[in-house]
Amino acid sequence: MPPNNQEAAERCIPQNHTGRHRYPALELVRLTLPRRVYTSAHMEAVVEGLRAVWRRREHLRGLRMVYEPPVLRFFTARFTPL
């Protein structure tokens, strides 16, 4: 990674040794899909869902993490609405 991208990536990494988190300047969502598993119909359903979220974006609020497990943090964490 070039230095500026590495620097940006480091801002996204939680600082577990201090218990504090670094917050990035830009909030992004990453959607990853395994190859050769999903059909076009699956992808159309994903796009339809993303469009629905986009249309409601002004009414949607975020979530606050209320429980952070030591491993698999984003898969087993607990959240509450803001």
C-alpha atoms as a PDB file:
ATOM      1  CA  MET A   1       0.000   0.000   0.000  1.00  0.00           C
ATOM      2  CA  PRO A   2       1.215   3.508  -0.683  1.00  0.00           C
ATOM      3  CA  PRO A   3       1.858   5.484   2.520  1.00  0.00           C
ATOM      4  CA  ASN A   4      -1.336   7.541   2.336  1.00  0.00           C
ATOM      5  CA  ASN A   5      -3.529   4.415   1.946  1.00  0.00           C
ATOM      6  CA  GLN A   6      -1.654   2.648   4.741  1.00  0.00           C
ATOM      7  CA  GLU A   7      -2.201   5.666   6.955  1.00  0.00           C
ATOM      8  CA  ALA A   8      -5.923   5.616   6.142  1.00  0.00           C
ATOM      9  CA  ALA A   9      -6.125   1.881   6.835  1.00  0.00           C
ATOM     10  CA  GLU A  10      -4.479   2.326  10.238  1.00  0.00           C
ATOM     11  CA  ARG A  11      -7.138   4.871  11.233  1.00  0.00           C
ATOM     12  CA  CYS A  12      -9.792   2.158  10.820  1.00  0.00           C
ATOM     13  CA  ILE A  13      -8.105  -0.347  13.122  1.00  0.00           C
ATOM     14  CA  PRO A  14      -9.360  -0.476  16.701  1.00  0.00           C
ATOM     15  CA  GLN A  15      -6.647   0.113  19.254  1.00  0.00           C
ATOM     16  CA  ASN A  16      -7.286  -2.917  21.436  1.00  0.00           C
ATOM     17  CA  HIS A  17      -4.186  -2.382  23.554  1.00  0.00           C
ATOM     18  CA  THR A  18      -5.621   0.959  24.764  1.00  0.00           C
ATOM     19  CA  GLY A  19      -9.298   0.028  24.578  1.00  0.00           C
ATOM     20  CA  ARG A  20      -9.986   3.059  22.386  1.00  0.00           C
ATOM     21  CA  HIS A  21     -10.980   3.154  18.746  1.00  0.00           C
ATOM     22  CA  ARG A  22      -9.726   5.291  15.928  1.00  0.00           C
ATOM     23  CA  TYR A  23     -12.499   6.797  13.854  1.00  0.00           C
ATOM     24  CA  PRO A  24     -11.871   7.264  10.137  1.00  0.00           C
ATOM     25  CA  ALA A  25     -12.521  10.573   8.410  1.00  0.00           C
ATOM     26  CA  LEU A  26     -14.729   8.757   5.878  1.00  0.00           C
ATOM     27  CA  GLU A  27     -17.236   6.063   6.870  1.00  0.00           C
ATOM     28  CA  LEU A  28     -17.443   3.306   4.279  1.00  0.00           C
ATOM     29  CA  VAL A  29     -19.223  -0.031   3.991  1.00  0.00           C
ATOM     30  CA  ARG A  30     -17.513  -2.958   2.340  1.00  0.00           C
ATOM     31  CA  LEU A  31     -19.586  -5.611   0.632  1.00  0.00           C
ATOM     32  CA  THR A  32     -17.683  -8.780  -0.184  1.00  0.00           C
ATOM     33  CA  LEU A  33     -19.056 -11.816  -1.974  1.00  0.00           C
ATOM     34  CA  PRO A  34     -17.509 -15.212  -2.587  1.00  0.00           C
ATOM     35  CA  ARG A  35     -17.056 -16.021  -6.255  1.00  0.00           C
ATOM     36  CA  ARG A  36     -19.115 -18.653  -8.069  1.00  0.00           C
ATOM     37  CA  VAL A  37     -21.640 -18.948  -5.253  1.00  0.00           C
ATOM     38  CA  TYR A  38     -24.361 -16.418  -5.981  1.00  0.00           C
ATOM     39  CA  THR A  39     -26.563 -16.098  -9.061  1.00  0.00           C
ATOM     40  CA  SER A  40     -27.676 -12.948 -10.837  1.00  0.00           C
ATOM     41  CA  ALA A  41     -30.975 -13.215  -8.958  1.00  0.00           C
ATOM     42  CA  HIS A  42     -29.082 -13.093  -5.661  1.00  0.00           C
ATOM     43  CA  MET A  43     -27.208  -9.986  -6.782  1.00  0.00           C
ATOM     44  CA  GLU A  44     -30.441  -8.319  -7.933  1.00  0.00           C
ATOM     45  CA  ALA A  45     -31.904  -8.899  -4.467  1.00  0.00           C
ATOM     46  CA  VAL A  46     -28.797  -7.325  -2.875  1.00  0.00           C
ATOM     47  CA  VAL A  47     -29.058  -4.303  -5.179  1.00  0.00           C
ATOM     48  CA  GLU A  48     -32.771  -3.965  -4.386  1.00  0.00           C
ATOM     49  CA  GLY A  49     -31.977  -3.982  -0.661  1.00  0.00           C
ATOM     50  CA  LEU A  50     -29.225  -1.396  -1.047  1.00  0.00           C
ATOM     51  CA  ARG A  51     -31.542   0.841  -3.064  1.00  0.00           C
ATOM     52  CA  ALA A  52     -34.188   0.602  -0.335  1.00  0.00           C
ATOM     53  CA  VAL A  53     -31.629   1.660   2.282  1.00  0.00           C
ATOM     54  CA  TRP A  54     -30.472   4.529   0.059  1.00  0.00           C
ATOM     55  CA  ARG A  55     -34.042   5.790  -0.361  1.00  0.00           C
ATOM     56  CA  ARG A  56     -34.538   5.802   3.431  1.00  0.00           C
ATOM     57  CA  ARG A  57     -31.081   7.218   4.235  1.00  0.00           C
ATOM     58  CA  GLU A  58     -32.443  10.482   5.672  1.00  0.00           C
ATOM     59  CA  HIS A  59     -34.557   8.580   8.213  1.00  0.00           C
ATOM     60  CA  LEU A  60     -32.000   5.973   9.231  1.00  0.00           C
ATOM     61  CA  ARG A  61     -29.813   6.472  12.279  1.00  0.00           C
ATOM     62  CA  GLY A  62     -26.739   4.610  13.358  1.00  0.00           C
ATOM     63  CA  LEU A  63     -26.085   1.965  15.975  1.00  0.00           C
ATOM     64  CA  ARG A  64     -24.018   2.102  19.148  1.00  0.00           C
ATOM     65  CA  MET A  65     -21.985  -0.943  20.071  1.00  0.00           C
ATOM     66  CA  VAL A  66     -22.971  -1.949  23.608  1.00  0.00           C
ATOM     67  CA  TYR A  67     -21.038  -5.213  23.784  1.00  0.00           C
ATOM     68  CA  GLU A  68     -17.736  -5.913  22.076  1.00  0.00           C
ATOM     69  CA  PRO A  69     -16.442  -9.481  22.312  1.00  0.00           C
ATOM     70  CA  PRO A  70     -12.689 -10.098  22.333  1.00  0.00           C
ATOM     71  CA  VAL A  71     -12.857 -12.037  19.030  1.00  0.00           C
ATOM     72  CA  LEU A  72     -15.097 -11.856  15.969  1.00  0.00           C
ATOM     73  CA  ARG A  73     -16.058  -8.386  17.080  1.00  0.00           C
ATOM     74  CA  PHE A  74     -18.377  -7.371  14.229  1.00  0.00           C
ATOM     75  CA  PHE A  75     -20.043 -10.786  13.942  1.00  0.00           C
ATOM     76  CA  THR A  76     -21.009 -11.300  17.587  1.00  0.00           C
ATOM     77  CA  ALA A  77     -21.172  -7.743  18.932  1.00  0.00           C
ATOM     78  CA  ARG A  78     -24.413  -6.297  20.309  1.00  0.00           C
ATOM     79  CA  PHE A  79     -25.812  -2.956  19.226  1.00  0.00           C
ATOM     80  CA  THR A  80     -28.525  -0.516  20.265  1.00  0.00           C
ATOM     81  CA  PRO A  81     -30.098   2.212  18.098  1.00  0.00           C
ATOM     82  CA  LEU A  82     -28.770   5.765  18.482  1.00  0.00           C
END
